[in-house]
Protein backbone atom coordinates (compact mmCIF):
# COMPACT_ATOMS: atom_id res chain seq x y z
CA MET A 1 92.56 110.89 160.28
CA PRO A 2 93.85 109.33 157.04
CA PRO A 3 91.38 108.21 154.36
CA VAL A 4 89.67 104.88 154.98
CA ARG A 5 91.17 103.80 151.68
CA ILE A 6 93.29 105.47 149.06
CA GLN A 7 91.60 106.35 145.77
CA ARG A 8 93.74 109.10 144.24
CA VAL A 9 97.52 109.30 144.20
CA ALA A 10 100.05 111.99 143.35
CA VAL A 11 103.73 111.24 142.73
CA VAL A 12 106.26 114.09 142.81
CA GLY A 13 109.38 113.62 140.70
CA THR A 14 110.34 112.16 137.32
CA GLY A 15 113.77 110.75 138.14
CA GLN A 16 114.60 107.06 138.54
CA MET A 17 111.69 106.21 140.83
CA GLY A 18 108.72 108.50 140.22
CA PRO A 19 107.52 107.19 136.84
CA GLY A 20 107.69 103.55 137.96
CA ILE A 21 105.78 104.28 141.17
CA ALA A 22 103.12 106.21 139.27
CA GLN A 23 102.88 103.39 136.75
CA THR A 24 102.21 100.78 139.43
CA CYS A 25 99.45 102.92 140.93
CA ALA A 26 97.76 103.48 137.57
CA THR A 27 98.11 99.80 136.67
CA ALA A 28 96.26 98.92 139.87
CA GLY A 29 93.38 101.17 138.80
CA TYR A 30 94.12 104.37 140.71
CA GLU A 31 93.79 107.85 139.23
CA THR A 32 97.36 109.07 139.46
CA ALA A 33 99.03 112.44 138.90
CA LEU A 34 102.75 112.61 138.12
CA LEU A 35 104.22 116.01 139.02
CA SER A 36 107.36 117.67 137.69
CA ARG A 37 108.59 121.19 137.03
CA SER A 38 109.61 120.10 133.52
CA GLU A 39 107.10 119.34 130.78
CA ALA A 40 109.87 117.66 128.78
CA ASN A 41 110.69 115.33 131.68
CA LEU A 42 107.03 114.41 131.98
CA GLU A 43 106.88 113.44 128.32
CA LEU A 44 110.02 111.34 128.72
CA ALA A 45 108.40 109.71 131.75
CA ARG A 46 105.28 108.89 129.72
CA GLU A 47 107.35 107.15 127.06
CA LYS A 48 109.34 105.32 129.72
CA MET A 49 106.14 104.06 131.30
CA ARG A 50 104.74 103.02 127.90
CA ALA A 51 107.97 101.08 127.20
CA ASN A 52 107.79 99.45 130.64
CA LEU A 53 104.21 98.36 130.04
CA ARG A 54 105.00 96.98 126.60
CA ALA A 55 107.81 94.90 128.08
CA MET A 56 105.46 93.70 130.83
CA SER A 57 102.88 92.68 128.26
CA GLU A 58 105.47 90.42 126.62
CA TYR A 59 105.72 88.55 129.93
CA ASP A 60 101.93 88.37 130.46
CA LEU A 61 102.06 90.82 133.38
CA VAL A 62 99.59 93.17 131.67
CA ARG A 63 97.53 92.74 128.53
CA ALA A 64 98.50 94.77 125.49
CA ASP A 65 95.01 96.26 125.33
CA GLU A 66 95.40 97.53 128.91
CA ILE A 67 98.38 99.77 128.18
CA GLU A 68 96.58 102.84 126.87
CA PRO A 69 93.84 102.71 129.57
CA ILE A 70 96.57 102.53 132.20
CA LEU A 71 98.30 105.56 130.71
CA GLY A 72 94.91 107.25 130.52
CA ARG A 73 94.67 107.09 134.32
CA LEU A 74 97.90 109.09 134.53
CA SER A 75 97.77 112.86 134.42
CA LEU A 76 101.08 114.67 133.85
CA ARG A 77 101.26 117.94 135.75
CA HIS A 78 103.90 120.68 135.55
CA ASP A 79 101.90 123.37 137.36
CA GLY A 80 103.71 123.22 140.70
CA LEU A 81 102.08 121.25 143.50
CA ALA A 82 98.51 121.92 142.36
CA GLY A 83 98.38 118.42 140.90
CA ALA A 84 98.53 117.01 144.43
CA ARG A 85 95.24 118.68 145.41
CA GLY A 86 92.60 116.06 146.16
CA ALA A 87 95.09 113.19 146.46
CA ASP A 88 94.68 110.72 149.31
CA LEU A 89 98.35 109.77 149.06
CA VAL A 90 101.33 111.81 147.88
CA VAL A 91 104.62 110.00 147.26
CA GLU A 92 107.67 112.20 146.91
CA ALA A 93 110.45 110.84 144.72
CA VAL A 94 112.71 113.88 144.41
CA SER A 95 116.48 114.05 144.90
CA GLU A 96 117.94 112.48 148.04
CA ASP A 97 118.32 115.81 149.85
CA LEU A 98 116.87 116.11 153.36
CA ALA A 99 116.23 119.87 153.20
CA LEU A 100 114.54 119.58 149.80
CA LYS A 101 112.24 116.83 151.03
CA GLN A 102 111.44 118.65 154.28
CA HIS A 103 110.40 121.83 152.46
CA LEU A 104 108.42 119.83 149.89
CA PHE A 105 106.34 118.20 152.62
CA ALA A 106 105.84 121.56 154.35
CA ASP A 107 104.69 123.07 151.03
CA LEU A 108 102.35 120.15 150.35
CA GLU A 109 100.42 120.51 153.62
CA PRO A 110 98.38 123.60 152.65
CA VAL A 111 97.71 122.15 149.18
CA CYS A 112 96.50 118.74 150.31
CA GLY A 113 93.62 117.83 152.54
CA ALA A 114 94.22 117.37 156.26
CA GLU A 115 93.87 113.61 155.86
CA THR A 116 96.35 113.18 152.98
CA ILE A 117 99.17 110.72 153.64
CA LEU A 118 102.61 112.17 152.83
CA ALA A 119 105.05 109.39 151.95
CA SER A 120 108.70 109.55 150.94
CA THR A 121 110.55 106.97 148.91
CA THR A 122 113.86 108.04 150.42
CA SER A 123 116.58 105.41 150.40
CA GLY A 124 117.48 105.91 154.04
CA LEU A 125 116.30 109.15 155.71
CA ARG A 126 114.13 108.88 158.83
CA ALA A 127 110.45 109.79 158.76
CA ALA A 128 110.93 111.90 161.90
CA ASP A 129 113.46 114.10 160.09
CA LEU A 130 111.43 114.28 156.88
CA GLY A 131 108.37 115.57 158.74
CA ALA A 132 110.26 118.01 160.95
CA LEU A 133 108.86 121.14 159.22
CA THR A 134 105.28 119.91 158.90
CA GLN A 135 102.37 120.81 161.13
CA HIS A 136 101.11 117.22 161.07
CA PRO A 137 104.05 114.78 161.34
CA GLU A 138 101.56 112.05 162.23
CA ARG A 139 100.74 111.69 158.52
CA VAL A 140 104.38 111.57 157.32
CA ILE A 141 105.80 108.13 156.59
CA VAL A 142 108.48 106.44 154.49
CA ALA A 143 107.46 104.11 151.65
CA HIS A 144 110.81 102.97 150.30
CA TYR A 145 110.27 101.39 146.90
CA TRP A 146 113.16 99.55 145.25
CA ASN A 147 114.44 100.27 141.76
CA PRO A 148 112.85 99.41 139.36
CA PRO A 149 109.64 99.91 141.37
CA HIS A 150 107.35 98.37 138.75
CA LEU A 151 109.28 95.07 138.93
CA LEU A 152 110.61 94.74 142.49
CA PRO A 153 107.84 93.93 144.98
CA LEU A 154 109.38 95.18 148.23
CA VAL A 155 108.30 98.47 149.77
CA GLU A 156 109.73 99.21 153.20
CA VAL A 157 107.08 100.98 155.28
CA ALA A 158 108.92 103.02 157.91
CA PRO A 159 106.76 105.16 160.21
CA GLY A 160 108.29 107.79 162.47
CA PRO A 161 107.67 107.95 166.22
CA ARG A 162 104.80 110.40 165.60
CA THR A 163 103.32 108.67 162.55
CA SER A 164 99.81 107.48 163.33
CA LEU A 165 99.05 103.76 163.35
CA GLU A 166 96.13 104.43 160.97
CA VAL A 167 98.46 105.98 158.38
CA THR A 168 100.73 102.94 158.55
CA GLU A 169 97.82 100.54 158.19
CA VAL A 170 96.14 102.39 155.31
CA LEU A 171 99.41 102.71 153.38
CA THR A 172 100.28 99.05 153.92
CA ALA A 173 96.87 97.94 152.67
CA PHE A 174 97.19 100.19 149.62
CA LEU A 175 100.62 98.78 148.70
CA ARG A 176 99.23 95.27 148.66
CA THR A 177 96.61 96.33 146.11
CA THR A 178 99.38 97.54 143.77
CA GLY A 179 101.07 94.13 143.84
CA HIS A 180 103.85 95.16 146.20
CA ALA A 181 105.09 93.32 149.28
CA PRO A 182 105.17 95.83 152.14
CA VAL A 183 107.49 95.08 155.06
CA LEU A 184 107.20 97.09 158.27
CA VAL A 185 110.33 98.76 159.65
CA ARG A 186 109.62 98.64 163.36
CA LYS A 187 112.12 101.29 164.49
CA ASP A 188 112.72 104.74 163.01
CA CYS A 189 116.29 104.33 161.72
CA VAL A 190 118.45 105.32 158.79
CA GLY A 191 118.76 102.83 155.94
CA PHE A 192 115.76 100.68 156.98
CA ILE A 193 116.30 96.96 156.27
CA GLY A 194 117.43 96.45 152.70
CA ASN A 195 119.95 99.26 152.45
CA ARG A 196 121.52 98.40 155.80
CA LEU A 197 122.10 94.89 154.46
CA GLN A 198 123.20 96.09 151.04
CA HIS A 199 125.69 98.66 152.29
CA ALA A 200 127.19 96.23 154.80
CA LEU A 201 127.86 93.98 151.81
CA TRP A 202 129.25 96.88 149.77
CA ARG A 203 131.56 97.89 152.63
CA GLU A 204 133.08 94.42 152.75
CA ALA A 205 133.31 94.24 148.94
CA LEU A 206 135.26 97.52 148.90
CA ALA A 207 137.55 96.24 151.66
CA ILE A 208 138.23 93.05 149.68
CA VAL A 209 139.35 95.16 146.71
CA GLU A 210 141.32 97.57 148.92
CA GLN A 211 143.20 94.68 150.53
CA GLY A 212 143.99 93.08 147.16
CA ILE A 213 142.00 89.92 147.90
CA ALA A 214 140.15 90.17 144.58
CA THR A 215 139.35 92.59 141.76
CA PRO A 216 135.92 94.25 141.36
CA GLU A 217 135.18 91.88 138.48
CA GLU A 218 136.06 88.83 140.59
CA VAL A 219 133.95 90.06 143.52
CA ASP A 220 130.94 90.54 141.23
CA GLU A 221 131.40 87.10 139.69
CA ALA A 222 131.70 85.47 143.11
CA LEU A 223 128.47 87.13 144.25
CA LYS A 224 126.43 86.35 141.14
CA THR A 225 127.49 82.68 141.00
CA SER A 226 127.13 81.84 144.70
CA PHE A 227 124.75 83.10 147.39
CA GLY A 228 123.43 85.86 145.13
CA ALA A 229 121.95 83.21 142.83
CA ARG A 230 120.00 81.50 145.63
CA THR A 231 118.86 84.65 147.46
CA PRO A 232 115.49 84.86 145.62
CA VAL A 233 114.43 81.60 147.25
CA LEU A 234 116.54 81.47 150.41
CA GLY A 235 116.60 84.25 152.97
CA ILE A 236 119.41 84.98 155.41
CA PHE A 237 117.77 83.49 158.47
CA GLU A 238 116.38 80.53 156.53
CA HIS A 239 119.92 79.83 155.35
CA MET A 240 121.38 80.07 158.86
CA ASP A 241 118.79 77.61 160.14
CA LEU A 242 119.53 75.18 157.31
CA VAL A 243 123.29 75.42 157.87
CA GLY A 244 122.90 75.05 161.62
CA LEU A 245 123.32 77.84 164.14
CA ASP A 246 126.19 76.04 165.87
CA LEU A 247 128.19 76.19 162.63
CA VAL A 248 127.26 79.83 162.12
CA GLN A 249 128.47 80.60 165.65
CA TYR A 250 131.76 78.77 165.02
CA LEU A 251 132.39 80.65 161.75
CA HIS A 252 131.66 83.95 163.46
CA SER A 253 134.10 83.15 166.25
CA TYR A 254 137.07 83.58 163.88
CA LEU A 255 135.71 85.36 160.78
CA LEU A 256 133.96 88.46 162.11
CA GLU A 257 137.07 89.97 163.66
CA ASP A 258 138.69 90.00 160.22
CA LEU A 259 135.80 91.78 158.44
CA ASP A 260 135.81 95.48 157.68
CA VAL A 261 134.47 97.84 160.35
CA GLN A 262 135.28 101.23 158.80
CA THR A 263 132.75 103.91 159.76
CA GLY A 264 133.35 106.12 156.74
CA PRO A 265 133.72 105.75 152.97
CA ASN A 266 136.48 103.38 151.86
CA ALA A 267 139.64 104.84 150.28
CA VAL A 268 139.00 102.81 147.11
CA LEU A 269 135.68 104.62 146.72
CA LYS A 270 136.98 108.08 147.70
CA GLU A 271 139.83 107.86 145.18
CA ARG A 272 137.46 107.26 142.30
CA VAL A 273 135.06 110.01 143.36
CA ALA A 274 137.98 112.45 143.69
CA ARG A 275 139.04 111.63 140.11
CA GLY A 276 135.50 112.13 138.81
CA ASP A 277 135.15 108.43 137.99
CA LEU A 278 131.57 108.18 139.24
CA GLY A 279 130.41 105.10 137.36
CA ALA A 280 128.38 104.51 134.23
CA ARG A 281 127.24 108.12 133.81
CA THR A 282 130.84 109.40 133.60
CA GLY A 283 132.14 106.44 131.60
CA ARG A 284 134.31 104.96 134.31
CA GLY A 285 133.95 103.78 137.89
CA PHE A 286 135.04 100.31 138.91
CA TYR A 287 134.44 99.33 135.30
CA ASP A 288 135.40 101.02 132.04
CA TRP A 289 131.94 101.74 130.64
CA SER A 290 133.33 102.59 127.21
CA LYS A 291 133.82 98.81 126.92
CA LYS A 292 130.69 97.78 128.81
CA SER A 293 127.12 98.79 127.93
CA ALA A 294 125.09 100.19 130.82
CA ALA A 295 121.95 99.88 128.68
CA GLU A 296 122.63 96.20 128.08
CA VAL A 297 123.21 95.56 131.80
CA ILE A 298 119.86 97.21 132.59
CA ARG A 299 118.11 95.22 129.84
CA ALA A 300 119.51 91.98 131.25
CA ARG A 301 118.48 92.99 134.78
CA ASP A 302 114.95 93.83 133.69
CA ALA A 303 114.58 90.63 131.66
CA GLU A 304 115.50 88.60 134.74
CA LEU A 305 113.11 90.58 136.95
CA LEU A 306 110.29 90.31 134.41
CA GLU A 307 110.69 86.54 134.27
CA ARG A 308 110.63 86.33 138.07
CA ALA A 309 107.52 88.52 138.13
CA ARG A 310 105.82 86.22 135.63
CA LYS A 311 106.64 83.21 137.81
CA ARG A 312 105.29 84.97 140.91
CA LYS A 313 102.09 85.80 139.07
CA SER A 314 101.60 82.27 137.79
CA THR A 315 102.27 80.83 141.27
CA THR A 316 99.81 83.26 142.85
CA HIS A 317 97.06 82.27 140.42
CA GLU A 318 97.56 78.51 140.69
């Protein structure tokens, strides 16, 4: 049986997701351990979390005098998996490699208590596959946070066919206490909800570029200045209802057959990967990042998300 409620948390991994997840847990008052094999990465994670909290304090999301107590609830551990001992919930945020995650969960079982919930923040792997090497797959579940996890509220809760209902319920209740908005994925599938939607959009965007309909820059501008701008307040099905389902049906009768249905990576994407043009980290992808600042793009993204978070908080407390 899982714990009645979660009191102690361990997060494994100091990449893009782990520090932000650990930060949200500590901010909500939970004793949290952040685990990594690298002491240097843990120190970088601490400074990243401190910077995140300072930025949040500027938007009245935390008080400035809360920052050090929050960090004080975080223990940084580089002594293997020992830091997960005694945790009610372990969230793995290691590289997106199925075998790595499977062996991590199998290694965690003898360290953790029999009731510990083992959650993965995988972007798309199924809980059934993640728990395949464990003795107790009923306590393995996906908790897919979105990046940056301290600013985006969604967490997709995706149980496997053998995940216990109690584990799903306890995890969902916990996520609400950390300020997140858990959404249940009702079928064990790859990609869950958000990434299935996102990658369907990306597939069509790549096809538009491949077919010469528009450039990457024009596609991005079209997205950001049209339906992308209204998405925070208007969902897909809300929009269809407002437009009228008869009109949606008519548009689909001639448009869908012209949309991309490729079942593998687009040639436009494969060409860039083959050249080593992998995006911002290599200096070139669809954009020339020697002329465009990745840091500035991230700052602008976070400023927008911080402002939205402040508005959500003020609305909640009205």
